[in-house]
């Protein structure tokens, strides 16, 4: 189960990762980059987000969902 937004861990994010389901493989790389940027700019609003512990801090991992794309006006 994904973690909820956590201001403490958010302050320690040193890396981001975006997980794209197979159904969105056809998106252009530029479109994906814009969507990823928008999702990571507002992690509190992401439907599925998790923090992965690293030696130097945390990696914010966002899984792209249909709800996220609808919220961004993409789907």
PDB file of N, CA and C in Angstrom:
ATOM      1  N   UNK A   1       0.844  -1.186   0.000  1.00  0.00           N
ATOM      2  CA  UNK A   1       0.000   0.000   0.000  1.00  0.00           C
ATOM      3  C   UNK A   1       0.887   1.246   0.000  1.00  0.00           C
ATOM      4  N   UNK A   2       0.622   2.190  -0.888  1.00  0.00           N
ATOM      5  CA  UNK A   2       1.435   3.405  -0.954  1.00  0.00           C
ATOM      6  C   UNK A   2       1.317   4.237   0.316  1.00  0.00           C
ATOM      7  N   UNK A   3       2.375   4.917   0.601  1.00  0.00           N
ATOM      8  CA  UNK A   3       2.396   5.808   1.758  1.00  0.00           C
ATOM      9  C   UNK A   3       1.657   7.103   1.453  1.00  0.00           C
ATOM     10  N   UNK A   4       1.191   7.733   2.489  1.00  0.00           N
ATOM     11  CA  UNK A   4       0.588   9.055   2.351  1.00  0.00           C
ATOM     12  C   UNK A   4       1.707  10.098   2.287  1.00  0.00           C
ATOM     13  N   UNK A   5       1.375  11.273   1.831  1.00  0.00           N
ATOM     14  CA  UNK A   5       2.341  12.365   1.779  1.00  0.00           C
ATOM     15  C   UNK A   5       2.883  12.610   3.182  1.00  0.00           C
ATOM     16  N   UNK A   6       4.187  12.746   3.293  1.00  0.00           N
ATOM     17  CA  UNK A   6       4.836  12.957   4.583  1.00  0.00           C
ATOM     18  C   UNK A   6       5.817  14.124   4.453  1.00  0.00           C
ATOM     19  N   UNK A   7       5.528  15.262   5.082  1.00  0.00           N
ATOM     20  CA  UNK A   7       6.400  16.433   4.962  1.00  0.00           C
ATOM     21  C   UNK A   7       7.840  16.162   5.409  1.00  0.00           C
ATOM     22  N   UNK A   8       8.010  15.337   6.439  1.00  0.00           N
ATOM     23  CA  UNK A   8       9.366  15.025   6.922  1.00  0.00           C
ATOM     24  C   UNK A   8      10.162  14.298   5.837  1.00  0.00           C
ATOM     25  N   UNK A   9       9.595  13.204   5.316  1.00  0.00           N
ATOM     26  CA  UNK A   9      10.304  12.455   4.280  1.00  0.00           C
ATOM     27  C   UNK A   9      10.421  13.262   2.996  1.00  0.00           C
ATOM     28  N   UNK A  10       9.403  14.080   2.711  1.00  0.00           N
ATOM     29  CA  UNK A  10       9.437  14.920   1.505  1.00  0.00           C
ATOM     30  C   UNK A  10      10.646  15.852   1.527  1.00  0.00           C
ATOM     31  N   UNK A  11      10.970  16.375   2.703  1.00  0.00           N
ATOM     32  CA  UNK A  11      12.119  17.274   2.840  1.00  0.00           C
ATOM     33  C   UNK A  11      13.438  16.541   2.597  1.00  0.00           C
ATOM     34  N   UNK A  12      13.420  15.214   2.682  1.00  0.00           N
ATOM     35  CA  UNK A  12      14.627  14.416   2.502  1.00  0.00           C
ATOM     36  C   UNK A  12      14.677  13.690   1.159  1.00  0.00           C
ATOM     37  N   UNK A  13      13.787  14.057   0.224  1.00  0.00           N
ATOM     38  CA  UNK A  13      13.773  13.429  -1.102  1.00  0.00           C
ATOM     39  C   UNK A  13      14.997  13.894  -1.888  1.00  0.00           C
ATOM     40  N   UNK A  14      15.793  12.924  -2.346  1.00  0.00           N
ATOM     41  CA  UNK A  14      16.983  13.223  -3.129  1.00  0.00           C
ATOM     42  C   UNK A  14      16.887  12.667  -4.556  1.00  0.00           C
ATOM     43  N   UNK A  15      15.834  11.906  -4.811  1.00  0.00           N
ATOM     44  CA  UNK A  15      15.653  11.284  -6.124  1.00  0.00           C
ATOM     45  C   UNK A  15      14.168  11.047  -6.350  1.00  0.00           C
ATOM     46  N   UNK A  16      13.767  11.050  -7.619  1.00  0.00           N
ATOM     47  CA  UNK A  16      12.377  10.730  -7.953  1.00  0.00           C
ATOM     48  C   UNK A  16      12.349   9.619  -8.989  1.00  0.00           C
ATOM     49  N   UNK A  17      11.257   8.875  -8.983  1.00  0.00           N
ATOM     50  CA  UNK A  17      11.053   7.803  -9.940  1.00  0.00           C
ATOM     51  C   UNK A  17       9.575   7.777 -10.299  1.00  0.00           C
ATOM     52  N   UNK A  18       9.282   7.547 -11.561  1.00  0.00           N
ATOM     53  CA  UNK A  18       7.901   7.480 -12.019  1.00  0.00           C
ATOM     54  C   UNK A  18       7.653   6.115 -12.640  1.00  0.00           C
ATOM     55  N   UNK A  19       6.598   5.451 -12.197  1.00  0.00           N
ATOM     56  CA  UNK A  19       6.240   4.142 -12.718  1.00  0.00           C
ATOM     57  C   UNK A  19       5.070   4.321 -13.675  1.00  0.00           C
ATOM     58  N   UNK A  20       5.272   3.892 -14.911  1.00  0.00           N
ATOM     59  CA  UNK A  20       4.251   4.007 -15.949  1.00  0.00           C
ATOM     60  C   UNK A  20       3.646   2.639 -16.230  1.00  0.00           C
ATOM     61  N   UNK A  21       2.335   2.476 -16.049  1.00  0.00           N
ATOM     62  CA  UNK A  21       1.687   1.214 -16.419  1.00  0.00           C
ATOM     63  C   UNK A  21       1.791   0.985 -17.930  1.00  0.00           C
ATOM     64  N   UNK A  22       1.696  -0.263 -18.339  1.00  0.00           N
ATOM     65  CA  UNK A  22       1.822  -0.630 -19.759  1.00  0.00           C
ATOM     66  C   UNK A  22       0.846   0.118 -20.655  1.00  0.00           C
ATOM     67  N   UNK A  23      -0.321   0.441 -20.139  1.00  0.00           N
ATOM     68  CA  UNK A  23      -1.337   1.094 -20.974  1.00  0.00           C
ATOM     69  C   UNK A  23      -0.919   2.478 -21.464  1.00  0.00           C
ATOM     70  N   UNK A  24       0.134   3.071 -20.861  1.00  0.00           N
ATOM     71  CA  UNK A  24       0.582   4.403 -21.270  1.00  0.00           C
ATOM     72  C   UNK A  24       1.909   4.375 -22.013  1.00  0.00           C
ATOM     73  N   UNK A  25       2.319   3.189 -22.491  1.00  0.00           N
ATOM     74  CA  UNK A  25       3.585   3.066 -23.200  1.00  0.00           C
ATOM     75  C   UNK A  25       3.610   3.850 -24.502  1.00  0.00           C
ATOM     76  N   UNK A  26       2.461   4.112 -25.088  1.00  0.00           N
ATOM     77  CA  UNK A  26       2.403   4.806 -26.362  1.00  0.00           C
ATOM     78  C   UNK A  26       2.597   6.309 -26.286  1.00  0.00           C
ATOM     79  N   UNK A  27       2.689   6.859 -25.100  1.00  0.00           N
ATOM     80  CA  UNK A  27       2.867   8.306 -24.967  1.00  0.00           C
ATOM     81  C   UNK A  27       4.244   8.735 -25.450  1.00  0.00           C
ATOM     82  N   UNK A  28       4.294   9.885 -26.073  1.00  0.00           N
ATOM     83  CA  UNK A  28       5.540  10.484 -26.532  1.00  0.00           C
ATOM     84  C   UNK A  28       6.438  10.794 -25.325  1.00  0.00           C
ATOM     85  N   UNK A  29       7.747  10.681 -25.497  1.00  0.00           N
ATOM     86  CA  UNK A  29       8.687  10.936 -24.399  1.00  0.00           C
ATOM     87  C   UNK A  29       8.563  12.355 -23.843  1.00  0.00           C
ATOM     88  N   UNK A  30       8.311  13.321 -24.715  1.00  0.00           N
ATOM     89  CA  UNK A  30       8.156  14.707 -24.244  1.00  0.00           C
ATOM     90  C   UNK A  30       6.904  14.850 -23.395  1.00  0.00           C
ATOM     91  N   UNK A  31       5.812  14.202 -23.814  1.00  0.00           N
ATOM     92  CA  UNK A  31       4.573  14.242 -23.036  1.00  0.00           C
ATOM     93  C   UNK A  31       4.781  13.582 -21.671  1.00  0.00           C
ATOM     94  N   UNK A  32       5.473  12.461 -21.671  1.00  0.00           N
ATOM     95  CA  UNK A  32       5.759  11.766 -20.411  1.00  0.00           C
ATOM     96  C   UNK A  32       6.568  12.655 -19.469  1.00  0.00           C
ATOM     97  N   UNK A  33       7.569  13.342 -20.015  1.00  0.00           N
ATOM     98  CA  UNK A  33       8.419  14.206 -19.195  1.00  0.00           C
ATOM     99  C   UNK A  33       7.603  15.337 -18.566  1.00  0.00           C
ATOM    100  N   UNK A  34       6.685  15.912 -19.335  1.00  0.00           N
ATOM    101  CA  UNK A  34       5.841  16.993 -18.820  1.00  0.00           C
ATOM    102  C   UNK A  34       4.923  16.462 -17.723  1.00  0.00           C
ATOM    103  N   UNK A  35       4.322  15.311 -17.956  1.00  0.00           N
ATOM    104  CA  UNK A  35       3.418  14.717 -16.962  1.00  0.00           C
ATOM    105  C   UNK A  35       4.186  14.380 -15.690  1.00  0.00           C
ATOM    106  N   UNK A  36       5.364  13.762 -15.842  1.00  0.00           N
ATOM    107  CA  UNK A  36       6.186  13.424 -14.675  1.00  0.00           C
ATOM    108  C   UNK A  36       6.535  14.670 -13.882  1.00  0.00           C
ATOM    109  N   UNK A  37       6.918  15.706 -14.562  1.00  0.00           N
ATOM    110  CA  UNK A  37       7.279  16.962 -13.902  1.00  0.00           C
ATOM    111  C   UNK A  37       6.100  17.520 -13.115  1.00  0.00           C
ATOM    112  N   UNK A  38       4.928  17.497 -13.710  1.00  0.00           N
ATOM    113  CA  UNK A  38       3.733  18.018 -13.034  1.00  0.00           C
ATOM    114  C   UNK A  38       3.338  17.155 -11.838  1.00  0.00           C
ATOM    115  N   UNK A  39       3.468  15.836 -11.965  1.00  0.00           N
ATOM    116  CA  UNK A  39       3.135  14.950 -10.860  1.00  0.00           C
ATOM    117  C   UNK A  39       4.084  15.161  -9.679  1.00  0.00           C
ATOM    118  N   UNK A  40       5.369  15.232  -9.965  1.00  0.00           N
ATOM    119  CA  UNK A  40       6.349  15.385  -8.895  1.00  0.00           C
ATOM    120  C   UNK A  40       6.351  16.800  -8.315  1.00  0.00           C
ATOM    121  N   UNK A  41       5.807  17.763  -9.043  1.00  0.00           N
ATOM    122  CA  UNK A  41       5.703  19.123  -8.520  1.00  0.00           C
ATOM    123  C   UNK A  41       4.626  19.224  -7.442  1.00  0.00           C
ATOM    124  N   UNK A  42       3.671  18.303  -7.460  1.00  0.00           N
ATOM    125  CA  UNK A  42       2.578  18.303  -6.473  1.00  0.00           C
ATOM    126  C   UNK A  42       2.354  16.872  -5.962  1.00  0.00           C
ATOM    127  N   UNK A  43       3.331  16.327  -5.239  1.00  0.00           N
ATOM    128  CA  UNK A  43       3.226  14.927  -4.815  1.00  0.00           C
ATOM    129  C   UNK A  43       2.069  14.649  -3.856  1.00  0.00           C
ATOM    130  N   UNK A  44       1.636  15.664  -3.163  1.00  0.00           N
ATOM    131  CA  UNK A  44       0.530  15.498  -2.211  1.00  0.00           C
ATOM    132  C   UNK A  44      -0.761  15.087  -2.922  1.00  0.00           C
ATOM    133  N   UNK A  45      -0.911  15.478  -4.179  1.00  0.00           N
ATOM    134  CA  UNK A  45      -2.131  15.207  -4.933  1.00  0.00           C
ATOM    135  C   UNK A  45      -2.078  13.881  -5.698  1.00  0.00           C
ATOM    136  N   UNK A  46      -0.938  13.212  -5.721  1.00  0.00           N
ATOM    137  CA  UNK A  46      -0.804  11.962  -6.475  1.00  0.00           C
ATOM    138  C   UNK A  46      -1.635  10.851  -5.843  1.00  0.00           C
ATOM    139  N   UNK A  47      -2.271  10.061  -6.690  1.00  0.00           N
ATOM    140  CA  UNK A  47      -3.116   8.962  -6.213  1.00  0.00           C
ATOM    141  C   UNK A  47      -2.287   7.850  -5.581  1.00  0.00           C
ATOM    142  N   UNK A  48      -1.135   7.519  -6.183  1.00  0.00           N
ATOM    143  CA  UNK A  48      -0.275   6.456  -5.655  1.00  0.00           C
ATOM    144  C   UNK A  48       1.156   6.955  -5.589  1.00  0.00           C
ATOM    145  N   UNK A  49       1.609   7.207  -4.372  1.00  0.00           N
ATOM    146  CA  UNK A  49       2.952   7.718  -4.155  1.00  0.00           C
ATOM    147  C   UNK A  49       3.556   7.001  -2.967  1.00  0.00           C
ATOM    148  N   UNK A  50       4.855   6.722  -3.057  1.00  0.00           N
ATOM    149  CA  UNK A  50       5.534   6.012  -1.984  1.00  0.00           C
ATOM    150  C   UNK A  50       6.916   6.621  -1.798  1.00  0.00           C
ATOM    151  N   UNK A  51       7.472   6.449  -0.613  1.00  0.00           N
ATOM    152  CA  UNK A  51       8.836   6.876  -0.325  1.00  0.00           C
ATOM    153  C   UNK A  51       9.686   5.628  -0.140  1.00  0.00           C
ATOM    154  N   UNK A  52      10.784   5.567  -0.872  1.00  0.00           N
ATOM    155  CA  UNK A  52      11.699   4.445  -0.767  1.00  0.00           C
ATOM    156  C   UNK A  52      12.960   4.944  -0.063  1.00  0.00           C
ATOM    157  N   UNK A  53      13.311   4.276   1.035  1.00  0.00           N
ATOM    158  CA  UNK A  53      14.473   4.685   1.828  1.00  0.00           C
ATOM    159  C   UNK A  53      15.750   4.407   1.060  1.00  0.00           C
ATOM    160  N   UNK A  54      16.650   5.400   1.049  1.00  0.00           N
ATOM    161  CA  UNK A  54      17.962   5.272   0.421  1.00  0.00           C
ATOM    162  C   UNK A  54      19.002   5.642   1.471  1.00  0.00           C
ATOM    163  N   UNK A  55      20.261   5.399   1.182  1.00  0.00           N
ATOM    164  CA  UNK A  55      21.317   5.750   2.137  1.00  0.00           C
ATOM    165  C   UNK A  55      21.403   7.256   2.373  1.00  0.00           C
ATOM    166  N   UNK A  56      21.077   8.032   1.364  1.00  0.00           N
ATOM    167  CA  UNK A  56      21.232   9.484   1.464  1.00  0.00           C
ATOM    168  C   UNK A  56      19.926  10.222   1.715  1.00  0.00           C
ATOM    169  N   UNK A  57      18.821   9.535   1.794  1.00  0.00           N
ATOM    170  CA  UNK A  57      17.514  10.171   1.995  1.00  0.00           C
ATOM    171  C   UNK A  57      16.409   9.266   1.491  1.00  0.00           C
ATOM    172  N   UNK A  58      15.497   9.843   0.709  1.00  0.00           N
ATOM    173  CA  UNK A  58      14.376   9.071   0.173  1.00  0.00           C
ATOM    174  C   UNK A  58      14.232   9.297  -1.322  1.00  0.00           C
ATOM    175  N   UNK A  59      13.688   8.300  -1.988  1.00  0.00           N
ATOM    176  CA  UNK A  59      13.291   8.424  -3.387  1.00  0.00           C
ATOM    177  C   UNK A  59      11.766   8.484  -3.378  1.00  0.00           C
ATOM    178  N   UNK A  60      11.214   9.541  -3.996  1.00  0.00           N
ATOM    179  CA  UNK A  60       9.759   9.630  -4.129  1.00  0.00           C
ATOM    180  C   UNK A  60       9.379   8.856  -5.380  1.00  0.00           C
ATOM    181  N   UNK A  61       8.540   7.851  -5.218  1.00  0.00           N
ATOM    182  CA  UNK A  61       8.116   7.008  -6.324  1.00  0.00           C
ATOM    183  C   UNK A  61       6.626   7.229  -6.573  1.00  0.00           C
ATOM    184  N   UNK A  62       6.308   7.684  -7.769  1.00  0.00           N
ATOM    185  CA  UNK A  62       4.921   7.951  -8.142  1.00  0.00           C
ATOM    186  C   UNK A  62       4.503   6.965  -9.219  1.00  0.00           C
ATOM    187  N   UNK A  63       3.371   6.312  -8.997  1.00  0.00           N
ATOM    188  CA  UNK A  63       2.807   5.436 -10.026  1.00  0.00           C
ATOM    189  C   UNK A  63       1.705   6.212 -10.732  1.00  0.00           C
ATOM    190  N   UNK A  64       1.831   6.363 -12.031  1.00  0.00           N
ATOM    191  CA  UNK A  64       0.864   7.119 -12.822  1.00  0.00           C
ATOM    192  C   UNK A  64      -0.454   6.351 -12.861  1.00  0.00           C
ATOM    193  N   UNK A  65      -1.552   7.054 -12.566  1.00  0.00           N
ATOM    194  CA  UNK A  65      -2.882   6.448 -12.603  1.00  0.00           C
ATOM    195  C   UNK A  65      -3.783   7.261 -13.520  1.00  0.00           C
ATOM    196  N   UNK A  66      -4.881   6.665 -13.907  1.00  0.00           N
ATOM    197  CA  UNK A  66      -5.872   7.373 -14.718  1.00  0.00           C
ATOM    198  C   UNK A  66      -6.388   8.594 -13.971  1.00  0.00           C
ATOM    199  N   UNK A  67      -6.576   8.462 -12.661  1.00  0.00           N
ATOM    200  CA  UNK A  67      -7.058   9.595 -11.853  1.00  0.00           C
ATOM    201  C   UNK A  67      -6.080  10.763 -11.922  1.00  0.00           C
ATOM    202  N   UNK A  68      -4.770  10.478 -11.885  1.00  0.00           N
ATOM    203  CA  UNK A  68      -3.765  11.541 -11.983  1.00  0.00           C
ATOM    204  C   UNK A  68      -3.848  12.238 -13.337  1.00  0.00           C
ATOM    205  N   UNK A  69      -3.969  11.442 -14.391  1.00  0.00           N
ATOM    206  CA  UNK A  69      -4.029  12.024 -15.737  1.00  0.00           C
ATOM    207  C   UNK A  69      -5.295  12.858 -15.930  1.00  0.00           C
ATOM    208  N   UNK A  70      -6.398  12.413 -15.351  1.00  0.00           N
ATOM    209  CA  UNK A  70      -7.629  13.189 -15.435  1.00  0.00           C
ATOM    210  C   UNK A  70      -7.493  14.489 -14.661  1.00  0.00           C
ATOM    211  N   UNK A  71      -6.874  14.418 -13.501  1.00  0.00           N
ATOM    212  CA  UNK A  71      -6.660  15.628 -12.691  1.00  0.00           C
ATOM    213  C   UNK A  71      -5.789  16.634 -13.439  1.00  0.00           C
ATOM    214  N   UNK A  72      -4.827  16.142 -14.193  1.00  0.00           N
ATOM    215  CA  UNK A  72      -3.936  17.028 -14.953  1.00  0.00           C
ATOM    216  C   UNK A  72      -4.545  17.469 -16.283  1.00  0.00           C
ATOM    217  N   UNK A  73      -5.697  16.901 -16.633  1.00  0.00           N
ATOM    218  CA  UNK A  73      -6.361  17.255 -17.889  1.00  0.00           C
ATOM    219  C   UNK A  73      -5.743  16.606 -19.100  1.00  0.00           C
ATOM    220  N   UNK A  74      -5.084  15.465 -18.894  1.00  0.00           N
ATOM    221  CA  UNK A  74      -4.399  14.778 -19.992  1.00  0.00           C
ATOM    222  C   UNK A  74      -5.270  13.662 -20.558  1.00  0.00           C
ATOM    223  N   UNK A  75      -6.020  12.991 -19.706  1.00  0.00           N
ATOM    224  CA  UNK A  75      -6.823  11.838 -20.162  1.00  0.00           C
ATOM    225  C   UNK A  75      -8.240  12.254 -20.451  1.00  0.00           C
TER     226      UNK A  75
END
